[in-house]
PDB file of N, CA and C in Angstrom:
ATOM      1  N   MET A   1      94.157  32.916 208.008  1.00  0.00           N
ATOM      2  CA  MET A   1      93.737  32.723 209.388  1.00  0.00           C
ATOM      3  C   MET A   1      92.794  31.522 209.439  1.00  0.00           C
ATOM      4  N   SER A   2      92.971  30.724 210.453  1.00  0.00           N
ATOM      5  CA  SER A   2      92.131  29.534 210.597  1.00  0.00           C
ATOM      6  C   SER A   2      90.714  29.922 211.027  1.00  0.00           C
ATOM      7  N   LYS A   3      89.808  28.972 210.862  1.00  0.00           N
ATOM      8  CA  LYS A   3      88.421  29.215 211.242  1.00  0.00           C
ATOM      9  C   LYS A   3      88.320  29.311 212.766  1.00  0.00           C
ATOM     10  N   ILE A   4      87.671  30.333 213.248  1.00  0.00           N
ATOM     11  CA  ILE A   4      87.506  30.562 214.677  1.00  0.00           C
ATOM     12  C   ILE A   4      86.356  29.687 215.174  1.00  0.00           C
ATOM     13  N   PRO A   5      86.585  28.888 216.212  1.00  0.00           N
ATOM     14  CA  PRO A   5      85.530  27.999 216.707  1.00  0.00           C
ATOM     15  C   PRO A   5      84.465  28.769 217.492  1.00  0.00           C
ATOM     16  N   TYR A   6      83.289  28.166 217.583  1.00  0.00           N
ATOM     17  CA  TYR A   6      82.232  28.716 218.436  1.00  0.00           C
ATOM     18  C   TYR A   6      82.671  28.571 219.889  1.00  0.00           C
ATOM     19  N   ILE A   7      82.392  29.588 220.702  1.00  0.00           N
ATOM     20  CA  ILE A   7      82.741  29.561 222.118  1.00  0.00           C
ATOM     21  C   ILE A   7      81.520  29.973 222.929  1.00  0.00           C
ATOM     22  N   ASN A   8      81.239  29.233 223.986  1.00  0.00           N
ATOM     23  CA  ASN A   8      80.171  29.589 224.911  1.00  0.00           C
ATOM     24  C   ASN A   8      80.727  30.639 225.866  1.00  0.00           C
ATOM     25  N   TYR A   9      80.273  31.859 225.747  1.00  0.00           N
ATOM     26  CA  TYR A   9      80.813  32.964 226.554  1.00  0.00           C
ATOM     27  C   TYR A   9      80.609  32.753 228.053  1.00  0.00           C
ATOM     28  N   ASN A  10      79.598  31.997 228.433  1.00  0.00           N
ATOM     29  CA  ASN A  10      79.354  31.755 229.860  1.00  0.00           C
ATOM     30  C   ASN A  10      80.442  30.897 230.498  1.00  0.00           C
ATOM     31  N   GLU A  11      81.178  30.150 229.692  1.00  0.00           N
ATOM     32  CA  GLU A  11      82.212  29.271 230.223  1.00  0.00           C
ATOM     33  C   GLU A  11      83.598  29.918 230.267  1.00  0.00           C
ATOM     34  N   ILE A  12      83.726  31.136 229.771  1.00  0.00           N
ATOM     35  CA  ILE A  12      85.020  31.824 229.772  1.00  0.00           C
ATOM     36  C   ILE A  12      85.298  32.384 231.163  1.00  0.00           C
ATOM     37  N   ARG A  13      86.540  32.207 231.605  1.00  0.00           N
ATOM     38  CA  ARG A  13      86.937  32.763 232.904  1.00  0.00           C
ATOM     39  C   ARG A  13      87.042  34.284 232.811  1.00  0.00           C
ATOM     40  N   GLU A  14      87.089  34.950 233.949  1.00  0.00           N
ATOM     41  CA  GLU A  14      87.133  36.421 233.983  1.00  0.00           C
ATOM     42  C   GLU A  14      88.450  36.972 233.434  1.00  0.00           C
ATOM     43  N   PHE A  15      89.526  36.196 233.493  1.00  0.00           N
ATOM     44  CA  PHE A  15      90.809  36.610 232.944  1.00  0.00           C
ATOM     45  C   PHE A  15      91.459  35.399 232.288  1.00  0.00           C
ATOM     46  N   CYS A  16      91.862  35.545 231.042  1.00  0.00           N
ATOM     47  CA  CYS A  16      92.524  34.467 230.304  1.00  0.00           C
ATOM     48  C   CYS A  16      93.914  34.944 229.888  1.00  0.00           C
ATOM     49  N   THR A  17      94.922  34.130 230.165  1.00  0.00           N
ATOM     50  CA  THR A  17      96.273  34.477 229.750  1.00  0.00           C
ATOM     51  C   THR A  17      96.375  34.395 228.232  1.00  0.00           C
ATOM     52  N   ILE A  18      97.423  34.967 227.684  1.00  0.00           N
ATOM     53  CA  ILE A  18      97.609  34.958 226.233  1.00  0.00           C
ATOM     54  C   ILE A  18      97.687  33.532 225.689  1.00  0.00           C
ATOM     55  N   PRO A  19      98.461  32.611 226.313  1.00  0.00           N
ATOM     56  CA  PRO A  19      98.448  31.228 225.804  1.00  0.00           C
ATOM     57  C   PRO A  19      97.063  30.565 225.873  1.00  0.00           C
ATOM     58  N   GLU A  20      96.280  30.891 226.893  1.00  0.00           N
ATOM     59  CA  GLU A  20      94.930  30.334 226.992  1.00  0.00           C
ATOM     60  C   GLU A  20      94.032  30.856 225.866  1.00  0.00           C
ATOM     61  N   VAL A  21      94.174  32.126 225.528  1.00  0.00           N
ATOM     62  CA  VAL A  21      93.379  32.705 224.439  1.00  0.00           C
ATOM     63  C   VAL A  21      93.797  32.080 223.113  1.00  0.00           C
ATOM     64  N   CYS A  22      95.099  31.862 222.927  1.00  0.00           N
ATOM     65  CA  CYS A  22      95.577  31.196 221.706  1.00  0.00           C
ATOM     66  C   CYS A  22      94.959  29.814 221.570  1.00  0.00           C
ATOM     67  N   THR A  23      94.912  29.067 222.649  1.00  0.00           N
ATOM     68  CA  THR A  23      94.317  27.739 222.636  1.00  0.00           C
ATOM     69  C   THR A  23      92.811  27.817 222.362  1.00  0.00           C
ATOM     70  N   LEU A  24      92.159  28.763 222.998  1.00  0.00           N
ATOM     71  CA  LEU A  24      90.717  28.941 222.848  1.00  0.00           C
ATOM     72  C   LEU A  24      90.338  29.275 221.403  1.00  0.00           C
ATOM     73  N   PHE A  25      91.140  30.119 220.764  1.00  0.00           N
ATOM     74  CA  PHE A  25      90.858  30.561 219.395  1.00  0.00           C
ATOM     75  C   PHE A  25      91.519  29.680 218.329  1.00  0.00           C
ATOM     76  N   HIS A  26      92.334  28.705 218.737  1.00  0.00           N
ATOM     77  CA  HIS A  26      93.066  27.843 217.805  1.00  0.00           C
ATOM     78  C   HIS A  26      93.969  28.666 216.891  1.00  0.00           C
ATOM     79  N   MET A  27      94.766  29.564 217.480  1.00  0.00           N
ATOM     80  CA  MET A  27      95.672  30.390 216.695  1.00  0.00           C
ATOM     81  C   MET A  27      97.031  30.498 217.368  1.00  0.00           C
ATOM     82  N   GLU A  28      98.017  30.894 216.587  1.00  0.00           N
ATOM     83  CA  GLU A  28      99.359  31.132 217.093  1.00  0.00           C
ATOM     84  C   GLU A  28      99.411  32.504 217.764  1.00  0.00           C
ATOM     85  N   LYS A  29     100.439  32.692 218.572  1.00  0.00           N
ATOM     86  CA  LYS A  29     100.596  33.948 219.306  1.00  0.00           C
ATOM     87  C   LYS A  29     100.711  35.146 218.356  1.00  0.00           C
ATOM     88  N   ALA A  30     101.444  34.988 217.261  1.00  0.00           N
ATOM     89  CA  ALA A  30     101.609  36.075 216.291  1.00  0.00           C
ATOM     90  C   ALA A  30     100.265  36.449 215.647  1.00  0.00           C
ATOM     91  N   GLU A  31      99.456  35.441 215.336  1.00  0.00           N
ATOM     92  CA  GLU A  31      98.129  35.693 214.757  1.00  0.00           C
ATOM     93  C   GLU A  31      97.247  36.435 215.754  1.00  0.00           C
ATOM     94  N   LEU A  32      97.321  36.024 217.021  1.00  0.00           N
ATOM     95  CA  LEU A  32      96.522  36.683 218.059  1.00  0.00           C
ATOM     96  C   LEU A  32      96.949  38.139 218.221  1.00  0.00           C
ATOM     97  N   LYS A  33      98.251  38.377 218.201  1.00  0.00           N
ATOM     98  CA  LYS A  33      98.761  39.747 218.331  1.00  0.00           C
ATOM     99  C   LYS A  33      98.236  40.618 217.191  1.00  0.00           C
ATOM    100  N   GLU A  34      98.282  40.088 215.970  1.00  0.00           N
ATOM    101  CA  GLU A  34      97.796  40.830 214.810  1.00  0.00           C
ATOM    102  C   GLU A  34      96.286  41.105 214.925  1.00  0.00           C
ATOM    103  N   ALA A  35      95.535  40.101 215.355  1.00  0.00           N
ATOM    104  CA  ALA A  35      94.087  40.266 215.511  1.00  0.00           C
ATOM    105  C   ALA A  35      93.772  41.306 216.587  1.00  0.00           C
ATOM    106  N   CYS A  36      94.526  41.289 217.671  1.00  0.00           N
ATOM    107  CA  CYS A  36      94.320  42.271 218.743  1.00  0.00           C
ATOM    108  C   CYS A  36      94.622  43.686 218.253  1.00  0.00           C
ATOM    109  N   ASP A  37      95.699  43.828 217.482  1.00  0.00           N
ATOM    110  CA  ASP A  37      96.053  45.140 216.942  1.00  0.00           C
ATOM    111  C   ASP A  37      94.964  45.666 216.013  1.00  0.00           C
ATOM    112  N   GLU A  38      94.445  44.794 215.147  1.00  0.00           N
ATOM    113  CA  GLU A  38      93.391  45.195 214.208  1.00  0.00           C
ATOM    114  C   GLU A  38      92.100  45.563 214.933  1.00  0.00           C
ATOM    115  N   SER A  39      91.812  44.858 216.007  1.00  0.00           N
ATOM    116  CA  SER A  39      90.553  45.060 216.739  1.00  0.00           C
ATOM    117  C   SER A  39      90.690  46.048 217.889  1.00  0.00           C
ATOM    118  N   GLU A  40      91.898  46.595 218.056  1.00  0.00           N
ATOM    119  CA  GLU A  40      92.184  47.553 219.128  1.00  0.00           C
ATOM    120  C   GLU A  40      91.885  46.987 220.511  1.00  0.00           C
ATOM    121  N   VAL A  41      92.267  45.728 220.715  1.00  0.00           N
ATOM    122  CA  VAL A  41      92.143  45.069 222.011  1.00  0.00           C
ATOM    123  C   VAL A  41      93.545  44.950 222.579  1.00  0.00           C
ATOM    124  N   LYS A  42      93.755  45.479 223.773  1.00  0.00           N
ATOM    125  CA  LYS A  42      95.081  45.479 224.383  1.00  0.00           C
ATOM    126  C   LYS A  42      95.140  44.494 225.542  1.00  0.00           C
ATOM    127  N   PRO A  43      96.201  43.672 225.592  1.00  0.00           N
ATOM    128  CA  PRO A  43      96.367  42.782 226.737  1.00  0.00           C
ATOM    129  C   PRO A  43      96.552  43.581 228.023  1.00  0.00           C
ATOM    130  N   ARG A  44      96.130  43.001 229.108  1.00  0.00           N
ATOM    131  CA  ARG A  44      96.272  43.627 230.420  1.00  0.00           C
ATOM    132  C   ARG A  44      97.086  42.706 231.312  1.00  0.00           C
ATOM    133  N   ARG A  45      97.520  43.247 232.425  1.00  0.00           N
ATOM    134  CA  ARG A  45      98.286  42.470 233.387  1.00  0.00           C
ATOM    135  C   ARG A  45      97.424  42.191 234.598  1.00  0.00           C
ATOM    136  N   ASN A  46      97.417  40.943 235.067  1.00  0.00           N
ATOM    137  CA  ASN A  46      96.629  40.633 236.258  1.00  0.00           C
ATOM    138  C   ASN A  46      97.459  40.893 237.515  1.00  0.00           C
ATOM    139  N   GLU A  47      96.911  40.558 238.660  1.00  0.00           N
ATOM    140  CA  GLU A  47      97.552  40.877 239.926  1.00  0.00           C
ATOM    141  C   GLU A  47      98.856  40.124 240.169  1.00  0.00           C
ATOM    142  N   ILE A  48      99.086  39.024 239.448  1.00  0.00           N
ATOM    143  CA  ILE A  48     100.347  38.307 239.628  1.00  0.00           C
ATOM    144  C   ILE A  48     101.314  38.525 238.464  1.00  0.00           C
ATOM    145  N   GLY A  49     101.008  39.478 237.611  1.00  0.00           N
ATOM    146  CA  GLY A  49     101.922  39.883 236.550  1.00  0.00           C
ATOM    147  C   GLY A  49     101.786  39.171 235.231  1.00  0.00           C
ATOM    148  N   GLN A  50     100.786  38.331 235.061  1.00  0.00           N
ATOM    149  CA  GLN A  50     100.585  37.640 233.788  1.00  0.00           C
ATOM    150  C   GLN A  50      99.832  38.541 232.822  1.00  0.00           C
ATOM    151  N   TYR A  51     100.225  38.497 231.559  1.00  0.00           N
ATOM    152  CA  TYR A  51      99.501  39.236 230.534  1.00  0.00           C
ATOM    153  C   TYR A  51      98.389  38.368 229.966  1.00  0.00           C
ATOM    154  N   GLY A  52      97.267  39.010 229.662  1.00  0.00           N
ATOM    155  CA  GLY A  52      96.136  38.300 229.085  1.00  0.00           C
ATOM    156  C   GLY A  52      95.014  39.248 228.761  1.00  0.00           C
ATOM    157  N   LEU A  53      93.838  38.684 228.555  1.00  0.00           N
ATOM    158  CA  LEU A  53      92.653  39.463 228.211  1.00  0.00           C
ATOM    159  C   LEU A  53      91.554  39.194 229.228  1.00  0.00           C
ATOM    160  N   VAL A  54      90.854  40.258 229.599  1.00  0.00           N
ATOM    161  CA  VAL A  54      89.697  40.087 230.470  1.00  0.00           C
ATOM    162  C   VAL A  54      88.553  39.513 229.635  1.00  0.00           C
ATOM    163  N   LYS A  55      87.570  38.964 230.304  1.00  0.00           N
ATOM    164  CA  LYS A  55      86.463  38.277 229.641  1.00  0.00           C
ATOM    165  C   LYS A  55      85.796  39.159 228.592  1.00  0.00           C
ATOM    166  N   TYR A  56      85.581  40.420 228.903  1.00  0.00           N
ATOM    167  CA  TYR A  56      84.935  41.331 227.951  1.00  0.00           C
ATOM    168  C   TYR A  56      85.738  41.414 226.655  1.00  0.00           C
ATOM    169  N   ASP A  57      87.069  41.548 226.780  1.00  0.00           N
ATOM    170  CA  ASP A  57      87.912  41.659 225.594  1.00  0.00           C
ATOM    171  C   ASP A  57      87.982  40.350 224.812  1.00  0.00           C
ATOM    172  N   VAL A  58      87.975  39.216 225.507  1.00  0.00           N
ATOM    173  CA  VAL A  58      87.959  37.919 224.825  1.00  0.00           C
ATOM    174  C   VAL A  58      86.674  37.794 224.004  1.00  0.00           C
ATOM    175  N   CYS A  59      85.555  38.143 224.599  1.00  0.00           N
ATOM    176  CA  CYS A  59      84.262  38.060 223.896  1.00  0.00           C
ATOM    177  C   CYS A  59      84.217  39.013 222.712  1.00  0.00           C
ATOM    178  N   LYS A  60      84.707  40.234 222.912  1.00  0.00           N
ATOM    179  CA  LYS A  60      84.721  41.240 221.844  1.00  0.00           C
ATOM    180  C   LYS A  60      85.574  40.759 220.677  1.00  0.00           C
ATOM    181  N   LEU A  61      86.786  40.296 220.972  1.00  0.00           N
ATOM    182  CA  LEU A  61      87.693  39.835 219.934  1.00  0.00           C
ATOM    183  C   LEU A  61      87.136  38.605 219.225  1.00  0.00           C
ATOM    184  N   HIS A  62      86.595  37.691 219.998  1.00  0.00           N
ATOM    185  CA  HIS A  62      86.012  36.477 219.400  1.00  0.00           C
ATOM    186  C   HIS A  62      84.867  36.831 218.459  1.00  0.00           C
ATOM    187  N   ASN A  63      84.007  37.724 218.879  1.00  0.00           N
ATOM    188  CA  ASN A  63      82.867  38.129 218.056  1.00  0.00           C
ATOM    189  C   ASN A  63      83.340  38.714 216.726  1.00  0.00           C
ATOM    190  N   ILE A  64      84.335  39.584 216.784  1.00  0.00           N
ATOM    191  CA  ILE A  64      84.863  40.200 215.562  1.00  0.00           C
ATOM    192  C   ILE A  64      85.460  39.141 214.643  1.00  0.00           C
ATOM    193  N   LEU A  65      86.310  38.271 215.198  1.00  0.00           N
ATOM    194  CA  LEU A  65      86.993  37.265 214.387  1.00  0.00           C
ATOM    195  C   LEU A  65      86.040  36.197 213.867  1.00  0.00           C
ATOM    196  N   TYR A  66      85.093  35.792 214.697  1.00  0.00           N
ATOM    197  CA  TYR A  66      84.133  34.755 214.307  1.00  0.00           C
ATOM    198  C   TYR A  66      83.303  35.211 213.104  1.00  0.00           C
ATOM    199  N   HIS A  67      82.792  36.426 213.168  1.00  0.00           N
ATOM    200  CA  HIS A  67      81.960  36.924 212.073  1.00  0.00           C
ATOM    201  C   HIS A  67      82.792  37.291 210.857  1.00  0.00           C
ATOM    202  N   LYS A  68      84.001  37.748 211.073  1.00  0.00           N
ATOM    203  CA  LYS A  68      84.896  38.038 209.948  1.00  0.00           C
ATOM    204  C   LYS A  68      85.202  36.746 209.189  1.00  0.00           C
ATOM    205  N   GLY A  69      85.472  35.671 209.907  1.00  0.00           N
ATOM    206  CA  GLY A  69      85.747  34.386 209.280  1.00  0.00           C
ATOM    207  C   GLY A  69      84.546  33.823 208.549  1.00  0.00           C
ATOM    208  N   ARG A  70      83.382  33.990 209.136  1.00  0.00           N
ATOM    209  CA  ARG A  70      82.157  33.499 208.481  1.00  0.00           C
ATOM    210  C   ARG A  70      81.871  34.276 207.214  1.00  0.00           C
ATOM    211  N   ASN A  71      82.087  35.592 207.218  1.00  0.00           N
ATOM    212  CA  ASN A  71      81.824  36.410 206.038  1.00  0.00           C
ATOM    213  C   ASN A  71      82.774  36.055 204.900  1.00  0.00           C
ATOM    214  N   GLN A  72      84.028  35.700 205.232  1.00  0.00           N
ATOM    215  CA  GLN A  72      84.983  35.345 204.190  1.00  0.00           C
ATOM    216  C   GLN A  72      84.629  34.018 203.547  1.00  0.00           C
ATOM    217  N   THR A  73      84.163  33.062 204.338  1.00  0.00           N
ATOM    218  CA  THR A  73      83.838  31.756 203.776  1.00  0.00           C
ATOM    219  C   THR A  73      82.504  31.784 203.043  1.00  0.00           C
ATOM    220  N   ASN A  74      81.609  32.682 203.422  1.00  0.00           N
ATOM    221  CA  ASN A  74      80.290  32.744 202.786  1.00  0.00           C
ATOM    222  C   ASN A  74      80.238  33.706 201.615  1.00  0.00           C
ATOM    223  N   SER A  75      81.314  34.474 201.395  1.00  0.00           N
ATOM    224  CA  SER A  75      81.287  35.437 200.302  1.00  0.00           C
ATOM    225  C   SER A  75      81.422  34.707 198.969  1.00  0.00           C
ATOM    226  N   LYS A  76      80.717  35.188 197.992  1.00  0.00           N
ATOM    227  CA  LYS A  76      80.740  34.584 196.670  1.00  0.00           C
ATOM    228  C   LYS A  76      81.306  35.600 195.701  1.00  0.00           C
ATOM    229  N   SER A  77      81.836  35.113 194.614  1.00  0.00           N
ATOM    230  CA  SER A  77      82.356  36.021 193.602  1.00  0.00           C
ATOM    231  C   SER A  77      81.178  36.669 192.865  1.00  0.00           C
ATOM    232  N   VAL A  78      81.479  37.709 192.133  1.00  0.00           N
ATOM    233  CA  VAL A  78      80.438  38.428 191.391  1.00  0.00           C
ATOM    234  C   VAL A  78      79.814  37.515 190.349  1.00  0.00           C
ATOM    235  N   GLU A  79      80.594  36.572 189.803  1.00  0.00           N
ATOM    236  CA  GLU A  79      80.064  35.668 188.793  1.00  0.00           C
ATOM    237  C   GLU A  79      78.996  34.753 189.352  1.00  0.00           C
ATOM    238  N   ASP A  80      79.060  34.428 190.671  1.00  0.00           N
ATOM    239  CA  ASP A  80      78.093  33.550 191.284  1.00  0.00           C
ATOM    240  C   ASP A  80      76.814  34.278 191.689  1.00  0.00           C
ATOM    241  N   ASP A  81      76.826  35.597 191.639  1.00  0.00           N
ATOM    242  CA  ASP A  81      75.685  36.387 192.085  1.00  0.00           C
ATOM    243  C   ASP A  81      74.677  36.549 190.958  1.00  0.00           C
ATOM    244  N   PRO A  82      73.467  36.017 191.117  1.00  0.00           N
ATOM    245  CA  PRO A  82      72.489  36.144 190.044  1.00  0.00           C
ATOM    246  C   PRO A  82      71.979  37.569 189.846  1.00  0.00           C
ATOM    247  N   TRP A  83      72.222  38.457 190.808  1.00  0.00           N
ATOM    248  CA  TRP A  83      71.736  39.821 190.718  1.00  0.00           C
ATOM    249  C   TRP A  83      72.771  40.773 190.148  1.00  0.00           C
ATOM    250  N   ALA A  84      73.947  40.276 189.865  1.00  0.00           N
ATOM    251  CA  ALA A  84      75.030  41.144 189.372  1.00  0.00           C
ATOM    252  C   ALA A  84      74.797  41.549 187.941  1.00  0.00           C
TER     253      ALA A  84
END
């Protein structure tokens, strides 16, 4: 999975379509689907029938993925740990 970019939550719209979320997170649709399944975030339908995520779900998913990505890049092997 690619590195998730920092996002200013105040600039996110109240409803983002699935392609907009893919662009926002710099990921493919399949990757987004997998991330949503893992994080138990379900797409919703807006009043004109488009599927997407509400702002709360975008923020929740971003927070999970952002910190998950940071933990993977910052993790060190046991050999690098002076306390091991």
